[in-house]
Amino acid sequence: MKKIYGSAKEALDGVLFDGMLIAAGGFGLCGIPELLIDGIVAAGTKDLTVASNNAGVDDFGLGKLLATRQIKKMLSSYVGENAEFMRQYLSGELELEFNPQGTLAERMRAGGAGIPGFYTKTGVGTVIAEGKEVKNFDGQDYILERGIFADLAIVKAWKADATGNAVFRKTARNFNPPAAMCGKICIM
C-alpha cells in the first residue's frame, strides 16, 4: 500500500464516498487540513457528516464544504463564525450535533481507542443530555457519550513519516491527534 502521495487529490482517490463520516483536525482556522478540504470539495463527495471543533468561516476551511452543500451534518463544539453554517442550520438544511469541546475531543479519542462509549458529567442537566442515558455514580449523574468511529480522518501535521508518526507544530496540535485516532483511514 502506498503511504506517501504527491497531492491531496491523489491521497483521497478511491477513499471518498457519499454519506461518509469524516473527522477533521484543527481548531478555528489553526492547523486545519485545508488542502484535503479542497480535495474533498473538488471530488464533489456529498451527504457528509463531519466531526470537527468548528465549521470554519465562510469560504475557508470547512466553510468551503458548506458553501458547496456537501455537508449534511456537523458534530461540533463551536459554530459561531460562519454565516453560511447559520443560514443552513436555521433553514433546516444542515443537522447539528452540538458537543462540549472536551467531550468532542474525548469522543474522537475514545473511538480511536476502540471504546464505544463513556460517561461524563459535562452536559448533565442541559440540552446536551437530552435523549442520552444517564447513570448515577457515587451520587453524581453522568451522561453516556458515544465514541466517534470515522470513515476518514483528515489532519494537518507539520511532518509525518510513512508509518504514520506525526509532528504537530505549535498550536496546530489541537484536535489533530484525536481526529487522526478515530478514522479507519487517516490522511495527513
C-alpha atoms as a PDB file:
ATOM      1  CA  MET A   1       0.000   0.000   0.000  1.00  0.00           C
ATOM      2  CA  LYS A   2       1.359   3.394  -0.983  1.00  0.00           C
ATOM      3  CA  LYS A   3       1.875   5.673   2.031  1.00  0.00           C
ATOM      4  CA  ILE A   4       3.201   8.911   0.536  1.00  0.00           C
ATOM      5  CA  TYR A   5       1.225  10.820  -2.107  1.00  0.00           C
ATOM      6  CA  GLY A   6       2.093  13.807  -4.252  1.00  0.00           C
ATOM      7  CA  SER A   7      -1.192  15.646  -3.770  1.00  0.00           C
ATOM      8  CA  ALA A   8      -4.378  15.709  -1.757  1.00  0.00           C
ATOM      9  CA  LYS A   9      -6.296  14.579  -4.838  1.00  0.00           C
ATOM     10  CA  GLU A  10      -4.065  11.525  -5.186  1.00  0.00           C
ATOM     11  CA  ALA A  11      -4.314  10.683  -1.474  1.00  0.00           C
ATOM     12  CA  LEU A  12      -8.121  10.939  -1.490  1.00  0.00           C
ATOM     13  CA  ASP A  13      -8.603   8.957  -4.718  1.00  0.00           C
ATOM     14  CA  GLY A  14     -10.731   5.887  -4.046  1.00  0.00           C
ATOM     15  CA  VAL A  15     -11.226   6.778  -0.365  1.00  0.00           C
ATOM     16  CA  LEU A  16     -14.196   9.141  -0.532  1.00  0.00           C
ATOM     17  CA  PHE A  17     -17.822   8.067  -0.778  1.00  0.00           C
ATOM     18  CA  ASP A  18     -21.168   9.820  -0.340  1.00  0.00           C
ATOM     19  CA  GLY A  19     -22.593   9.701   3.185  1.00  0.00           C
ATOM     20  CA  MET A  20     -19.287   9.097   4.952  1.00  0.00           C
ATOM     21  CA  LEU A  21     -18.286  10.360   8.407  1.00  0.00           C
ATOM     22  CA  ILE A  22     -15.138  12.484   8.351  1.00  0.00           C
ATOM     23  CA  ALA A  23     -13.204  13.601  11.446  1.00  0.00           C
ATOM     24  CA  ALA A  24     -11.347  16.832  10.709  1.00  0.00           C
ATOM     25  CA  GLY A  25      -8.488  18.202  12.778  1.00  0.00           C
ATOM     26  CA  GLY A  26      -7.890  21.836  13.555  1.00  0.00           C
ATOM     27  CA  PHE A  27      -9.094  24.484  15.953  1.00  0.00           C
ATOM     28  CA  GLY A  28     -10.754  27.509  14.463  1.00  0.00           C
ATOM     29  CA  LEU A  29      -8.593  28.164  11.439  1.00  0.00           C
ATOM     30  CA  CYS A  30      -5.384  26.928  13.081  1.00  0.00           C
ATOM     31  CA  GLY A  31      -3.991  23.613  11.930  1.00  0.00           C
ATOM     32  CA  ILE A  32      -6.840  22.767   9.581  1.00  0.00           C
ATOM     33  CA  PRO A  33      -6.174  20.367   6.694  1.00  0.00           C
ATOM     34  CA  GLU A  34      -7.041  22.951   4.037  1.00  0.00           C
ATOM     35  CA  LEU A  35      -5.532  21.069   1.078  1.00  0.00           C
ATOM     36  CA  LEU A  36      -7.518  17.934   1.948  1.00  0.00           C
ATOM     37  CA  ILE A  37     -10.682  20.009   2.351  1.00  0.00           C
ATOM     38  CA  ASP A  38     -10.050  21.474  -1.110  1.00  0.00           C
ATOM     39  CA  GLY A  39      -9.611  17.927  -2.418  1.00  0.00           C
ATOM     40  CA  ILE A  40     -12.966  16.871  -0.980  1.00  0.00           C
ATOM     41  CA  VAL A  41     -14.631  19.945  -2.487  1.00  0.00           C
ATOM     42  CA  ALA A  42     -13.131  19.083  -5.890  1.00  0.00           C
ATOM     43  CA  ALA A  43     -14.237  15.447  -5.599  1.00  0.00           C
ATOM     44  CA  GLY A  44     -17.850  16.530  -5.043  1.00  0.00           C
ATOM     45  CA  THR A  45     -18.464  13.939  -2.322  1.00  0.00           C
ATOM     46  CA  LYS A  46     -21.812  14.727  -0.701  1.00  0.00           C
ATOM     47  CA  ASP A  47     -24.083  13.995   2.262  1.00  0.00           C
ATOM     48  CA  LEU A  48     -21.066  14.155   4.564  1.00  0.00           C
ATOM     49  CA  THR A  49     -21.171  14.086   8.334  1.00  0.00           C
ATOM     50  CA  VAL A  50     -18.167  15.981   9.668  1.00  0.00           C
ATOM     51  CA  ALA A  51     -16.865  15.850  13.235  1.00  0.00           C
ATOM     52  CA  SER A  52     -14.779  18.948  13.838  1.00  0.00           C
ATOM     53  CA  ASN A  53     -14.223  21.510  16.551  1.00  0.00           C
ATOM     54  CA  ASN A  54     -15.924  24.088  14.330  1.00  0.00           C
ATOM     55  CA  ALA A  55     -17.361  24.739  10.878  1.00  0.00           C
ATOM     56  CA  GLY A  56     -14.690  27.129   9.627  1.00  0.00           C
ATOM     57  CA  VAL A  57     -15.684  30.516   8.269  1.00  0.00           C
ATOM     58  CA  ASP A  58     -17.426  31.497   5.067  1.00  0.00           C
ATOM     59  CA  ASP A  59     -15.378  30.243   2.110  1.00  0.00           C
ATOM     60  CA  PHE A  60     -12.442  28.930   4.166  1.00  0.00           C
ATOM     61  CA  GLY A  61     -11.820  25.645   5.922  1.00  0.00           C
ATOM     62  CA  LEU A  62     -14.946  23.533   6.260  1.00  0.00           C
ATOM     63  CA  GLY A  63     -16.872  26.613   5.154  1.00  0.00           C
ATOM     64  CA  LYS A  64     -15.932  25.611   1.594  1.00  0.00           C
ATOM     65  CA  LEU A  65     -17.750  22.290   2.002  1.00  0.00           C
ATOM     66  CA  LEU A  66     -20.754  24.126   3.444  1.00  0.00           C
ATOM     67  CA  ALA A  67     -20.769  26.557   0.504  1.00  0.00           C
ATOM     68  CA  THR A  68     -20.965  23.626  -1.930  1.00  0.00           C
ATOM     69  CA  ARG A  69     -23.661  21.904   0.203  1.00  0.00           C
ATOM     70  CA  GLN A  70     -21.532  18.771   0.634  1.00  0.00           C
ATOM     71  CA  ILE A  71     -22.052  18.562   4.419  1.00  0.00           C
ATOM     72  CA  LYS A  72     -25.408  17.323   5.707  1.00  0.00           C
ATOM     73  CA  LYS A  73     -24.490  17.097   9.411  1.00  0.00           C
ATOM     74  CA  MET A  74     -21.885  18.638  11.709  1.00  0.00           C
ATOM     75  CA  LEU A  75     -20.670  17.303  15.066  1.00  0.00           C
ATOM     76  CA  SER A  76     -19.100  20.448  16.523  1.00  0.00           C
ATOM     77  CA  SER A  77     -18.350  22.357  19.671  1.00  0.00           C
ATOM     78  CA  TYR A  78     -18.279  25.872  18.168  1.00  0.00           C
ATOM     79  CA  VAL A  79     -20.215  27.178  15.190  1.00  0.00           C
ATOM     80  CA  GLY A  80     -20.324  30.935  15.718  1.00  0.00           C
ATOM     81  CA  GLU A  81     -18.311  32.499  12.892  1.00  0.00           C
ATOM     82  CA  ASN A  82     -19.831  31.026   9.765  1.00  0.00           C
ATOM     83  CA  ALA A  83     -22.841  32.847   8.316  1.00  0.00           C
ATOM     84  CA  GLU A  84     -23.497  30.087   5.754  1.00  0.00           C
ATOM     85  CA  PHE A  85     -23.491  27.472   8.514  1.00  0.00           C
ATOM     86  CA  MET A  86     -26.022  29.544  10.451  1.00  0.00           C
ATOM     87  CA  ARG A  87     -28.209  30.052   7.382  1.00  0.00           C
ATOM     88  CA  GLN A  88     -28.234  26.331   6.527  1.00  0.00           C
ATOM     89  CA  TYR A  89     -28.860  25.280  10.116  1.00  0.00           C
ATOM     90  CA  LEU A  90     -31.694  27.750  10.722  1.00  0.00           C
ATOM     91  CA  SER A  91     -33.361  26.794   7.424  1.00  0.00           C
ATOM     92  CA  GLY A  92     -33.207  23.084   8.314  1.00  0.00           C
ATOM     93  CA  GLU A  93     -30.758  22.224   5.512  1.00  0.00           C
ATOM     94  CA  LEU A  94     -27.994  21.210   7.937  1.00  0.00           C
ATOM     95  CA  GLU A  95     -28.137  18.994  11.017  1.00  0.00           C
ATOM     96  CA  LEU A  96     -26.066  19.838  14.086  1.00  0.00           C
ATOM     97  CA  GLU A  97     -24.996  17.602  16.934  1.00  0.00           C
ATOM     98  CA  PHE A  98     -23.563  20.082  19.395  1.00  0.00           C
ATOM     99  CA  ASN A  99     -20.830  18.774  21.706  1.00  0.00           C
ATOM    100  CA  PRO A 100     -18.911  20.424  24.525  1.00  0.00           C
ATOM    101  CA  GLN A 101     -15.323  20.852  23.334  1.00  0.00           C
ATOM    102  CA  GLY A 102     -13.701  18.374  25.716  1.00  0.00           C
ATOM    103  CA  THR A 103     -16.456  15.846  25.090  1.00  0.00           C
ATOM    104  CA  LEU A 104     -15.913  16.046  21.332  1.00  0.00           C
ATOM    105  CA  ALA A 105     -12.162  15.514  21.749  1.00  0.00           C
ATOM    106  CA  GLU A 106     -12.805  12.579  24.081  1.00  0.00           C
ATOM    107  CA  ARG A 107     -15.384  11.071  21.707  1.00  0.00           C
ATOM    108  CA  MET A 108     -12.712  11.076  18.996  1.00  0.00           C
ATOM    109  CA  ARG A 109     -10.046   9.683  21.309  1.00  0.00           C
ATOM    110  CA  ALA A 110     -12.401   7.015  22.619  1.00  0.00           C
ATOM    111  CA  GLY A 111     -13.302   5.905  19.099  1.00  0.00           C
ATOM    112  CA  GLY A 112      -9.625   5.637  18.239  1.00  0.00           C
ATOM    113  CA  ALA A 113      -9.045   3.508  21.320  1.00  0.00           C
ATOM    114  CA  GLY A 114     -11.950   1.209  20.412  1.00  0.00           C
ATOM    115  CA  ILE A 115     -14.139   2.485  23.252  1.00  0.00           C
ATOM    116  CA  PRO A 116     -17.782   2.610  22.122  1.00  0.00           C
ATOM    117  CA  GLY A 117     -18.934   4.911  24.920  1.00  0.00           C
ATOM    118  CA  PHE A 118     -18.038   6.657  28.150  1.00  0.00           C
ATOM    119  CA  TYR A 119     -19.776   8.599  30.903  1.00  0.00           C
ATOM    120  CA  THR A 120     -19.174  12.287  31.581  1.00  0.00           C
ATOM    121  CA  LYS A 121     -20.639  14.955  33.869  1.00  0.00           C
ATOM    122  CA  THR A 122     -20.277  17.561  31.140  1.00  0.00           C
ATOM    123  CA  GLY A 123     -23.717  18.406  29.810  1.00  0.00           C
ATOM    124  CA  VAL A 124     -25.764  16.851  32.625  1.00  0.00           C
ATOM    125  CA  GLY A 125     -28.980  18.835  33.069  1.00  0.00           C
ATOM    126  CA  THR A 126     -28.626  20.661  29.718  1.00  0.00           C
ATOM    127  CA  VAL A 127     -29.910  20.123  26.181  1.00  0.00           C
ATOM    128  CA  ILE A 128     -26.707  18.141  25.558  1.00  0.00           C
ATOM    129  CA  ALA A 129     -28.118  15.380  27.780  1.00  0.00           C
ATOM    130  CA  GLU A 130     -31.480  15.140  26.001  1.00  0.00           C
ATOM    131  CA  GLY A 131     -32.122  11.599  24.804  1.00  0.00           C
ATOM    132  CA  LYS A 132     -28.923  10.230  26.336  1.00  0.00           C
ATOM    133  CA  GLU A 133     -28.608   7.582  29.006  1.00  0.00           C
ATOM    134  CA  VAL A 134     -27.981   8.993  32.489  1.00  0.00           C
ATOM    135  CA  LYS A 135     -26.252   6.886  35.123  1.00  0.00           C
ATOM    136  CA  ASN A 136     -25.517   7.733  38.724  1.00  0.00           C
ATOM    137  CA  PHE A 137     -22.059   7.040  40.140  1.00  0.00           C
ATOM    138  CA  ASP A 138     -21.459   7.793  43.824  1.00  0.00           C
ATOM    139  CA  GLY A 139     -24.390  10.199  43.964  1.00  0.00           C
ATOM    140  CA  GLN A 140     -23.423  12.096  40.799  1.00  0.00           C
ATOM    141  CA  ASP A 141     -25.236  11.916  37.440  1.00  0.00           C
ATOM    142  CA  TYR A 142     -23.259  11.265  34.276  1.00  0.00           C
ATOM    143  CA  ILE A 143     -24.398  11.012  30.663  1.00  0.00           C
ATOM    144  CA  LEU A 144     -23.331   8.371  28.183  1.00  0.00           C
ATOM    145  CA  GLU A 145     -21.439   9.713  25.176  1.00  0.00           C
ATOM    146  CA  ARG A 146     -20.589   7.560  22.167  1.00  0.00           C
ATOM    147  CA  GLY A 147     -17.104   7.220  20.736  1.00  0.00           C
ATOM    148  CA  ILE A 148     -16.652   8.524  17.188  1.00  0.00           C
ATOM    149  CA  PHE A 149     -15.613   5.936  14.632  1.00  0.00           C
ATOM    150  CA  ALA A 150     -14.972   7.931  11.454  1.00  0.00           C
ATOM    151  CA  ASP A 151     -14.629   6.516   7.964  1.00  0.00           C
ATOM    152  CA  LEU A 152     -11.865   9.040   7.290  1.00  0.00           C
ATOM    153  CA  ALA A 153      -9.732  11.393   9.363  1.00  0.00           C
ATOM    154  CA  ILE A 154      -8.189  14.433   7.699  1.00  0.00           C
ATOM    155  CA  VAL A 155      -5.472  16.155   9.693  1.00  0.00           C
ATOM    156  CA  LYS A 156      -2.662  18.638   9.231  1.00  0.00           C
ATOM    157  CA  ALA A 157       0.751  17.662  10.528  1.00  0.00           C
ATOM    158  CA  TRP A 158       3.933  19.663  10.236  1.00  0.00           C
ATOM    159  CA  LYS A 159       5.710  16.495   9.169  1.00  0.00           C
ATOM    160  CA  ALA A 160       4.902  12.811   9.123  1.00  0.00           C
ATOM    161  CA  ASP A 161       6.595   9.591   8.119  1.00  0.00           C
ATOM    162  CA  ALA A 162       5.417   6.564   6.155  1.00  0.00           C
ATOM    163  CA  THR A 163       4.455   4.693   9.343  1.00  0.00           C
ATOM    164  CA  GLY A 164       2.027   7.409  10.463  1.00  0.00           C
ATOM    165  CA  ASN A 165       4.136   9.137  13.093  1.00  0.00           C
ATOM    166  CA  ALA A 166       3.254  12.822  13.033  1.00  0.00           C
ATOM    167  CA  VAL A 167       4.704  16.007  14.467  1.00  0.00           C
ATOM    168  CA  PHE A 168       2.312  18.871  15.071  1.00  0.00           C
ATOM    169  CA  ARG A 169       3.812  22.329  15.200  1.00  0.00           C
ATOM    170  CA  LYS A 170       2.874  24.798  17.939  1.00  0.00           C
ATOM    171  CA  THR A 171      -0.883  25.220  18.473  1.00  0.00           C
ATOM    172  CA  ALA A 172      -1.723  23.096  15.406  1.00  0.00           C
ATOM    173  CA  ARG A 173      -1.654  20.056  17.703  1.00  0.00           C
ATOM    174  CA  ASN A 174      -5.193  20.933  18.896  1.00  0.00           C
ATOM    175  CA  PHE A 175      -7.834  18.480  17.512  1.00  0.00           C
ATOM    176  CA  ASN A 176      -5.494  16.826  15.009  1.00  0.00           C
ATOM    177  CA  PRO A 177      -4.298  13.897  17.205  1.00  0.00           C
ATOM    178  CA  PRO A 178      -7.773  12.845  18.414  1.00  0.00           C
ATOM    179  CA  ALA A 179      -9.179  13.210  14.890  1.00  0.00           C
ATOM    180  CA  ALA A 180      -6.327  11.104  13.494  1.00  0.00           C
ATOM    181  CA  MET A 181      -7.037   8.374  16.045  1.00  0.00           C
ATOM    182  CA  CYS A 182     -10.720   7.876  15.236  1.00  0.00           C
ATOM    183  CA  GLY A 183     -10.523   7.383  11.477  1.00  0.00           C
ATOM    184  CA  LYS A 184     -10.445   3.984   9.792  1.00  0.00           C
ATOM    185  CA  ILE A 185      -8.186   5.790   7.330  1.00  0.00           C
ATOM    186  CA  CYS A 186      -6.141   8.859   8.247  1.00  0.00           C
ATOM    187  CA  ILE A 187      -4.728  11.208   5.635  1.00  0.00           C
ATOM    188  CA  MET A 188      -2.288  13.952   6.632  1.00  0.00           C
END
